[in-house]
PDB file of N, CA and C in Angstrom:
ATOM      1  N   MET A   1      10.563 -22.547   0.425  1.00  0.00           N
ATOM      2  CA  MET A   1      10.283 -21.317  -0.302  1.00  0.00           C
ATOM      3  C   MET A   1       9.223 -20.515   0.431  1.00  0.00           C
ATOM      4  N   LYS A   2       9.469 -19.227   0.599  1.00  0.00           N
ATOM      5  CA  LYS A   2       8.539 -18.355   1.293  1.00  0.00           C
ATOM      6  C   LYS A   2       7.490 -17.842   0.310  1.00  0.00           C
ATOM      7  N   THR A   3       6.229 -17.938   0.690  1.00  0.00           N
ATOM      8  CA  THR A   3       5.140 -17.487  -0.163  1.00  0.00           C
ATOM      9  C   THR A   3       4.617 -16.156   0.359  1.00  0.00           C
ATOM     10  N   ALA A   4       4.562 -15.158  -0.500  1.00  0.00           N
ATOM     11  CA  ALA A   4       4.021 -13.856  -0.126  1.00  0.00           C
ATOM     12  C   ALA A   4       2.506 -13.871  -0.321  1.00  0.00           C
ATOM     13  N   ILE A   5       1.824 -13.326   0.648  1.00  0.00           N
ATOM     14  CA  ILE A   5       0.368 -13.207   0.541  1.00  0.00           C
ATOM     15  C   ILE A   5       0.068 -11.768   0.150  1.00  0.00           C
ATOM     16  N   ILE A   6      -0.492 -11.602  -1.024  1.00  0.00           N
ATOM     17  CA  ILE A   6      -0.803 -10.279  -1.546  1.00  0.00           C
ATOM     18  C   ILE A   6      -2.317 -10.101  -1.525  1.00  0.00           C
ATOM     19  N   PRO A   7      -2.802  -9.036  -0.907  1.00  0.00           N
ATOM     20  CA  PRO A   7      -4.241  -8.798  -0.894  1.00  0.00           C
ATOM     21  C   PRO A   7      -4.805  -8.717  -2.316  1.00  0.00           C
ATOM     22  N   ALA A   8      -5.961  -9.326  -2.500  1.00  0.00           N
ATOM     23  CA  ALA A   8      -6.594  -9.340  -3.819  1.00  0.00           C
ATOM     24  C   ALA A   8      -7.736  -8.330  -3.923  1.00  0.00           C
ATOM     25  N   SER A   9      -8.102  -7.730  -2.798  1.00  0.00           N
ATOM     26  CA  SER A   9      -9.210  -6.775  -2.812  1.00  0.00           C
ATOM     27  C   SER A   9      -8.917  -5.643  -1.831  1.00  0.00           C
ATOM     28  N   TYR A  10      -9.677  -4.583  -1.966  1.00  0.00           N
ATOM     29  CA  TYR A  10      -9.535  -3.448  -1.063  1.00  0.00           C
ATOM     30  C   TYR A  10      -9.782  -3.878   0.381  1.00  0.00           C
ATOM     31  N   GLU A  11     -10.792  -4.700   0.595  1.00  0.00           N
ATOM     32  CA  GLU A  11     -11.119  -5.147   1.942  1.00  0.00           C
ATOM     33  C   GLU A  11      -9.968  -5.935   2.558  1.00  0.00           C
ATOM     34  N   GLU A  12      -9.356  -6.830   1.787  1.00  0.00           N
ATOM     35  CA  GLU A  12      -8.211  -7.598   2.282  1.00  0.00           C
ATOM     36  C   GLU A  12      -7.036  -6.666   2.585  1.00  0.00           C
ATOM     37  N   TRP A  13      -6.772  -5.720   1.695  1.00  0.00           N
ATOM     38  CA  TRP A  13      -5.689  -4.768   1.892  1.00  0.00           C
ATOM     39  C   TRP A  13      -5.921  -3.946   3.151  1.00  0.00           C
ATOM     40  N   ARG A  14      -7.135  -3.439   3.317  1.00  0.00           N
ATOM     41  CA  ARG A  14      -7.469  -2.619   4.495  1.00  0.00           C
ATOM     42  C   ARG A  14      -7.289  -3.423   5.781  1.00  0.00           C
ATOM     43  N   HIS A  15      -7.696  -4.683   5.760  1.00  0.00           N
ATOM     44  CA  HIS A  15      -7.519  -5.559   6.920  1.00  0.00           C
ATOM     45  C   HIS A  15      -6.023  -5.716   7.236  1.00  0.00           C
ATOM     46  N   CYS A  16      -5.217  -5.927   6.215  1.00  0.00           N
ATOM     47  CA  CYS A  16      -3.771  -6.074   6.409  1.00  0.00           C
ATOM     48  C   CYS A  16      -3.175  -4.823   7.045  1.00  0.00           C
ATOM     49  N   ILE A  17      -3.566  -3.658   6.552  1.00  0.00           N
ATOM     50  CA  ILE A  17      -3.006  -2.401   7.048  1.00  0.00           C
ATOM     51  C   ILE A  17      -3.482  -2.111   8.476  1.00  0.00           C
ATOM     52  N   THR A  18      -4.794  -2.197   8.698  1.00  0.00           N
ATOM     53  CA  THR A  18      -5.352  -1.742   9.970  1.00  0.00           C
ATOM     54  C   THR A  18      -5.320  -2.794  11.073  1.00  0.00           C
ATOM     55  N   VAL A  19      -5.500  -4.051  10.729  1.00  0.00           N
ATOM     56  CA  VAL A  19      -5.562  -5.097  11.750  1.00  0.00           C
ATOM     57  C   VAL A  19      -4.203  -5.778  11.929  1.00  0.00           C
ATOM     58  N   ILE A  20      -3.673  -6.329  10.851  1.00  0.00           N
ATOM     59  CA  ILE A  20      -2.420  -7.081  10.954  1.00  0.00           C
ATOM     60  C   ILE A  20      -1.249  -6.150  11.264  1.00  0.00           C
ATOM     61  N   CYS A  21      -1.165  -5.014  10.545  1.00  0.00           N
ATOM     62  CA  CYS A  21      -0.047  -4.086  10.760  1.00  0.00           C
ATOM     63  C   CYS A  21      -0.332  -3.077  11.868  1.00  0.00           C
ATOM     64  N   GLY A  22      -1.592  -2.913  12.226  1.00  0.00           N
ATOM     65  CA  GLY A  22      -1.948  -1.990  13.298  1.00  0.00           C
ATOM     66  C   GLY A  22      -1.805  -0.521  12.948  1.00  0.00           C
ATOM     67  N   GLU A  23      -1.853  -0.203  11.656  1.00  0.00           N
ATOM     68  CA  GLU A  23      -1.742   1.193  11.213  1.00  0.00           C
ATOM     69  C   GLU A  23      -3.126   1.825  11.145  1.00  0.00           C
ATOM     70  N   GLU A  24      -3.202   3.069  11.574  1.00  0.00           N
ATOM     71  CA  GLU A  24      -4.438   3.826  11.438  1.00  0.00           C
ATOM     72  C   GLU A  24      -4.375   4.572  10.111  1.00  0.00           C
ATOM     73  N   LEU A  25      -5.408   4.472   9.322  1.00  0.00           N
ATOM     74  CA  LEU A  25      -5.429   5.128   8.017  1.00  0.00           C
ATOM     75  C   LEU A  25      -5.856   6.587   8.185  1.00  0.00           C
ATOM     76  N   THR A  26      -4.900   7.386   8.640  1.00  0.00           N
ATOM     77  CA  THR A  26      -5.132   8.817   8.811  1.00  0.00           C
ATOM     78  C   THR A  26      -4.744   9.542   7.527  1.00  0.00           C
ATOM     79  N   LEU A  27      -5.219  10.756   7.380  1.00  0.00           N
ATOM     80  CA  LEU A  27      -4.893  11.536   6.192  1.00  0.00           C
ATOM     81  C   LEU A  27      -3.381  11.720   6.034  1.00  0.00           C
ATOM     82  N   PRO A  28      -2.647  12.096   7.085  1.00  0.00           N
ATOM     83  CA  PRO A  28      -1.194  12.240   6.908  1.00  0.00           C
ATOM     84  C   PRO A  28      -0.503  10.933   6.503  1.00  0.00           C
ATOM     85  N   TYR A  29      -0.914   9.817   7.094  1.00  0.00           N
ATOM     86  CA  TYR A  29      -0.311   8.527   6.753  1.00  0.00           C
ATOM     87  C   TYR A  29      -0.608   8.162   5.296  1.00  0.00           C
ATOM     88  N   ILE A  30      -1.858   8.297   4.890  1.00  0.00           N
ATOM     89  CA  ILE A  30      -2.259   7.960   3.521  1.00  0.00           C
ATOM     90  C   ILE A  30      -1.506   8.827   2.512  1.00  0.00           C
ATOM     91  N   GLU A  31      -1.462  10.130   2.758  1.00  0.00           N
ATOM     92  CA  GLU A  31      -0.786  11.032   1.824  1.00  0.00           C
ATOM     93  C   GLU A  31       0.712  10.734   1.750  1.00  0.00           C
ATOM     94  N   ALA A  32       1.318  10.395   2.872  1.00  0.00           N
ATOM     95  CA  ALA A  32       2.747  10.065   2.874  1.00  0.00           C
ATOM     96  C   ALA A  32       3.008   8.792   2.079  1.00  0.00           C
ATOM     97  N   ARG A  33       2.147   7.797   2.215  1.00  0.00           N
ATOM     98  CA  ARG A  33       2.322   6.538   1.498  1.00  0.00           C
ATOM     99  C   ARG A  33       2.098   6.736  -0.008  1.00  0.00           C
ATOM    100  N   ILE A  34       1.102   7.524  -0.383  1.00  0.00           N
ATOM    101  CA  ILE A  34       0.866   7.800  -1.801  1.00  0.00           C
ATOM    102  C   ILE A  34       2.082   8.510  -2.395  1.00  0.00           C
ATOM    103  N   GLU A  35       2.601   9.499  -1.674  1.00  0.00           N
ATOM    104  CA  GLU A  35       3.770  10.230  -2.160  1.00  0.00           C
ATOM    105  C   GLU A  35       4.971   9.291  -2.316  1.00  0.00           C
ATOM    106  N   ALA A  36       5.207   8.455  -1.322  1.00  0.00           N
ATOM    107  CA  ALA A  36       6.340   7.523  -1.379  1.00  0.00           C
ATOM    108  C   ALA A  36       6.177   6.534  -2.523  1.00  0.00           C
ATOM    109  N   LEU A  37       4.982   5.988  -2.676  1.00  0.00           N
ATOM    110  CA  LEU A  37       4.745   4.997  -3.736  1.00  0.00           C
ATOM    111  C   LEU A  37       4.827   5.606  -5.132  1.00  0.00           C
ATOM    112  N   ASN A  38       4.690   6.908  -5.217  1.00  0.00           N
ATOM    113  CA  ASN A  38       4.825   7.603  -6.500  1.00  0.00           C
ATOM    114  C   ASN A  38       6.248   8.076  -6.754  1.00  0.00           C
ATOM    115  N   SER A  39       7.151   7.818  -5.804  1.00  0.00           N
ATOM    116  CA  SER A  39       8.533   8.273  -5.930  1.00  0.00           C
ATOM    117  C   SER A  39       9.449   7.109  -6.295  1.00  0.00           C
ATOM    118  N   PRO A  40       9.950   7.081  -7.528  1.00  0.00           N
ATOM    119  CA  PRO A  40      10.838   5.987  -7.934  1.00  0.00           C
ATOM    120  C   PRO A  40      12.170   5.992  -7.192  1.00  0.00           C
ATOM    121  N   LYS A  41      12.503   7.101  -6.528  1.00  0.00           N
ATOM    122  CA  LYS A  41      13.756   7.186  -5.781  1.00  0.00           C
ATOM    123  C   LYS A  41      13.608   6.703  -4.340  1.00  0.00           C
ATOM    124  N   ASP A  42      12.382   6.528  -3.876  1.00  0.00           N
ATOM    125  CA  ASP A  42      12.139   6.074  -2.507  1.00  0.00           C
ATOM    126  C   ASP A  42      12.626   4.631  -2.342  1.00  0.00           C
ATOM    127  N   TYR A  43      13.479   4.414  -1.354  1.00  0.00           N
ATOM    128  CA  TYR A  43      14.085   3.089  -1.149  1.00  0.00           C
ATOM    129  C   TYR A  43      13.027   2.001  -0.947  1.00  0.00           C
ATOM    130  N   MET A  44      12.038   2.270  -0.090  1.00  0.00           N
ATOM    131  CA  MET A  44      11.018   1.248   0.191  1.00  0.00           C
ATOM    132  C   MET A  44      10.135   0.997  -1.032  1.00  0.00           C
ATOM    133  N   THR A  45       9.916   2.018  -1.837  1.00  0.00           N
ATOM    134  CA  THR A  45       9.145   1.828  -3.071  1.00  0.00           C
ATOM    135  C   THR A  45       9.916   0.944  -4.038  1.00  0.00           C
ATOM    136  N   LYS A  46      11.216   1.157  -4.142  1.00  0.00           N
ATOM    137  CA  LYS A  46      12.038   0.288  -4.997  1.00  0.00           C
ATOM    138  C   LYS A  46      11.932  -1.155  -4.533  1.00  0.00           C
ATOM    139  N   LYS A  47      12.020  -1.376  -3.221  1.00  0.00           N
ATOM    140  CA  LYS A  47      11.925  -2.735  -2.674  1.00  0.00           C
ATOM    141  C   LYS A  47      10.541  -3.323  -2.919  1.00  0.00           C
ATOM    142  N   PHE A  48       9.502  -2.507  -2.759  1.00  0.00           N
ATOM    143  CA  PHE A  48       8.125  -2.941  -2.988  1.00  0.00           C
ATOM    144  C   PHE A  48       7.973  -3.451  -4.420  1.00  0.00           C
ATOM    145  N   VAL A  49       8.482  -2.662  -5.379  1.00  0.00           N
ATOM    146  CA  VAL A  49       8.370  -3.043  -6.792  1.00  0.00           C
ATOM    147  C   VAL A  49       9.179  -4.303  -7.087  1.00  0.00           C
ATOM    148  N   GLU A  50      10.347  -4.423  -6.485  1.00  0.00           N
ATOM    149  CA  GLU A  50      11.146  -5.644  -6.661  1.00  0.00           C
ATOM    150  C   GLU A  50      10.395  -6.872  -6.173  1.00  0.00           C
ATOM    151  N   LEU A  51       9.713  -6.740  -5.046  1.00  0.00           N
ATOM    152  CA  LEU A  51       9.011  -7.884  -4.448  1.00  0.00           C
ATOM    153  C   LEU A  51       7.667  -8.183  -5.111  1.00  0.00           C
ATOM    154  N   TYR A  52       6.898  -7.140  -5.407  1.00  0.00           N
ATOM    155  CA  TYR A  52       5.509  -7.338  -5.826  1.00  0.00           C
ATOM    156  C   TYR A  52       5.184  -6.867  -7.243  1.00  0.00           C
ATOM    157  N   GLY A  53       6.055  -6.082  -7.843  1.00  0.00           N
ATOM    158  CA  GLY A  53       5.833  -5.616  -9.199  1.00  0.00           C
ATOM    159  C   GLY A  53       5.166  -4.252  -9.257  1.00  0.00           C
ATOM    160  N   ASP A  54       5.306  -3.617 -10.409  1.00  0.00           N
ATOM    161  CA  ASP A  54       4.765  -2.270 -10.588  1.00  0.00           C
ATOM    162  C   ASP A  54       3.242  -2.267 -10.643  1.00  0.00           C
ATOM    163  N   GLU A  55       2.653  -3.328 -11.164  1.00  0.00           N
ATOM    164  CA  GLU A  55       1.187  -3.399 -11.200  1.00  0.00           C
ATOM    165  C   GLU A  55       0.612  -3.375  -9.786  1.00  0.00           C
ATOM    166  N   GLN A  56       1.248  -4.095  -8.866  1.00  0.00           N
ATOM    167  CA  GLN A  56       0.786  -4.099  -7.476  1.00  0.00           C
ATOM    168  C   GLN A  56       1.000  -2.733  -6.826  1.00  0.00           C
ATOM    169  N   ARG A  57       2.063  -2.041  -7.207  1.00  0.00           N
ATOM    170  CA  ARG A  57       2.287  -0.684  -6.700  1.00  0.00           C
ATOM    171  C   ARG A  57       1.143   0.231  -7.115  1.00  0.00           C
ATOM    172  N   HIS A  58       0.744   0.142  -8.373  1.00  0.00           N
ATOM    173  CA  HIS A  58      -0.380   0.957  -8.858  1.00  0.00           C
ATOM    174  C   HIS A  58      -1.675   0.595  -8.139  1.00  0.00           C
ATOM    175  N   GLN A  59      -1.898  -0.691  -7.916  1.00  0.00           N
ATOM    176  CA  GLN A  59      -3.105  -1.125  -7.211  1.00  0.00           C
ATOM    177  C   GLN A  59      -3.101  -0.603  -5.780  1.00  0.00           C
ATOM    178  N   THR A  60      -1.955  -0.650  -5.131  1.00  0.00           N
ATOM    179  CA  THR A  60      -1.848  -0.180  -3.751  1.00  0.00           C
ATOM    180  C   THR A  60      -2.093   1.320  -3.660  1.00  0.00           C
ATOM    181  N   ILE A  61      -1.587   2.067  -4.624  1.00  0.00           N
ATOM    182  CA  ILE A  61      -1.868   3.507  -4.670  1.00  0.00           C
ATOM    183  C   ILE A  61      -3.371   3.728  -4.796  1.00  0.00           C
ATOM    184  N   ALA A  62      -4.028   2.963  -5.641  1.00  0.00           N
ATOM    185  CA  ALA A  62      -5.481   3.091  -5.815  1.00  0.00           C
ATOM    186  C   ALA A  62      -6.208   2.798  -4.506  1.00  0.00           C
ATOM    187  N   TRP A  63      -5.746   1.790  -3.767  1.00  0.00           N
ATOM    188  CA  TRP A  63      -6.380   1.465  -2.474  1.00  0.00           C
ATOM    189  C   TRP A  63      -6.163   2.575  -1.458  1.00  0.00           C
ATOM    190  N   PHE A  64      -4.966   3.175  -1.453  1.00  0.00           N
ATOM    191  CA  PHE A  64      -4.742   4.314  -0.549  1.00  0.00           C
ATOM    192  C   PHE A  64      -5.653   5.477  -0.932  1.00  0.00           C
ATOM    193  N   LYS A  65      -5.836   5.711  -2.215  1.00  0.00           N
ATOM    194  CA  LYS A  65      -6.730   6.792  -2.665  1.00  0.00           C
ATOM    195  C   LYS A  65      -8.177   6.495  -2.275  1.00  0.00           C
ATOM    196  N   GLN A  66      -8.570   5.240  -2.350  1.00  0.00           N
ATOM    197  CA  GLN A  66      -9.917   4.865  -1.932  1.00  0.00           C
ATOM    198  C   GLN A  66     -10.094   5.098  -0.435  1.00  0.00           C
ATOM    199  N   ALA A  67      -9.095   4.707   0.345  1.00  0.00           N
ATOM    200  CA  ALA A  67      -9.149   4.932   1.798  1.00  0.00           C
ATOM    201  C   ALA A  67      -9.237   6.433   2.102  1.00  0.00           C
ATOM    202  N   LYS A  68      -8.488   7.221   1.341  1.00  0.00           N
ATOM    203  CA  LYS A  68      -8.516   8.676   1.527  1.00  0.00           C
ATOM    204  C   LYS A  68      -9.912   9.228   1.253  1.00  0.00           C
ATOM    205  N   SER A  69     -10.565   8.707   0.220  1.00  0.00           N
ATOM    206  CA  SER A  69     -11.902   9.188  -0.138  1.00  0.00           C
ATOM    207  C   SER A  69     -12.942   8.810   0.917  1.00  0.00           C
ATOM    208  N   GLU A  70     -12.635   7.833   1.739  1.00  0.00           N
ATOM    209  CA  GLU A  70     -13.569   7.395   2.775  1.00  0.00           C
ATOM    210  C   GLU A  70     -13.419   8.196   4.082  1.00  0.00           C
ATOM    211  N   LEU A  71     -12.396   9.034   4.158  1.00  0.00           N
ATOM    212  CA  LEU A  71     -12.198   9.814   5.389  1.00  0.00           C
ATOM    213  C   LEU A  71     -13.238  10.902   5.542  1.00  0.00           C
TER     214      LEU A  71
END
């Protein structure tokens, strides 16, 4: 059985995005991810919710908003 590792804090999430995934948290990237995560028709958002649940989607949006506020 495959175990998913879900970040439990903003710091863990930021590490996953910037270090493990190698993404730069730029304003365009953050805004695009917030928009996608708020779109129930977005294919990747549907998959995200299937895998991690809607509560995690809301938490991830909050982390993107926090990252945006730090720019």
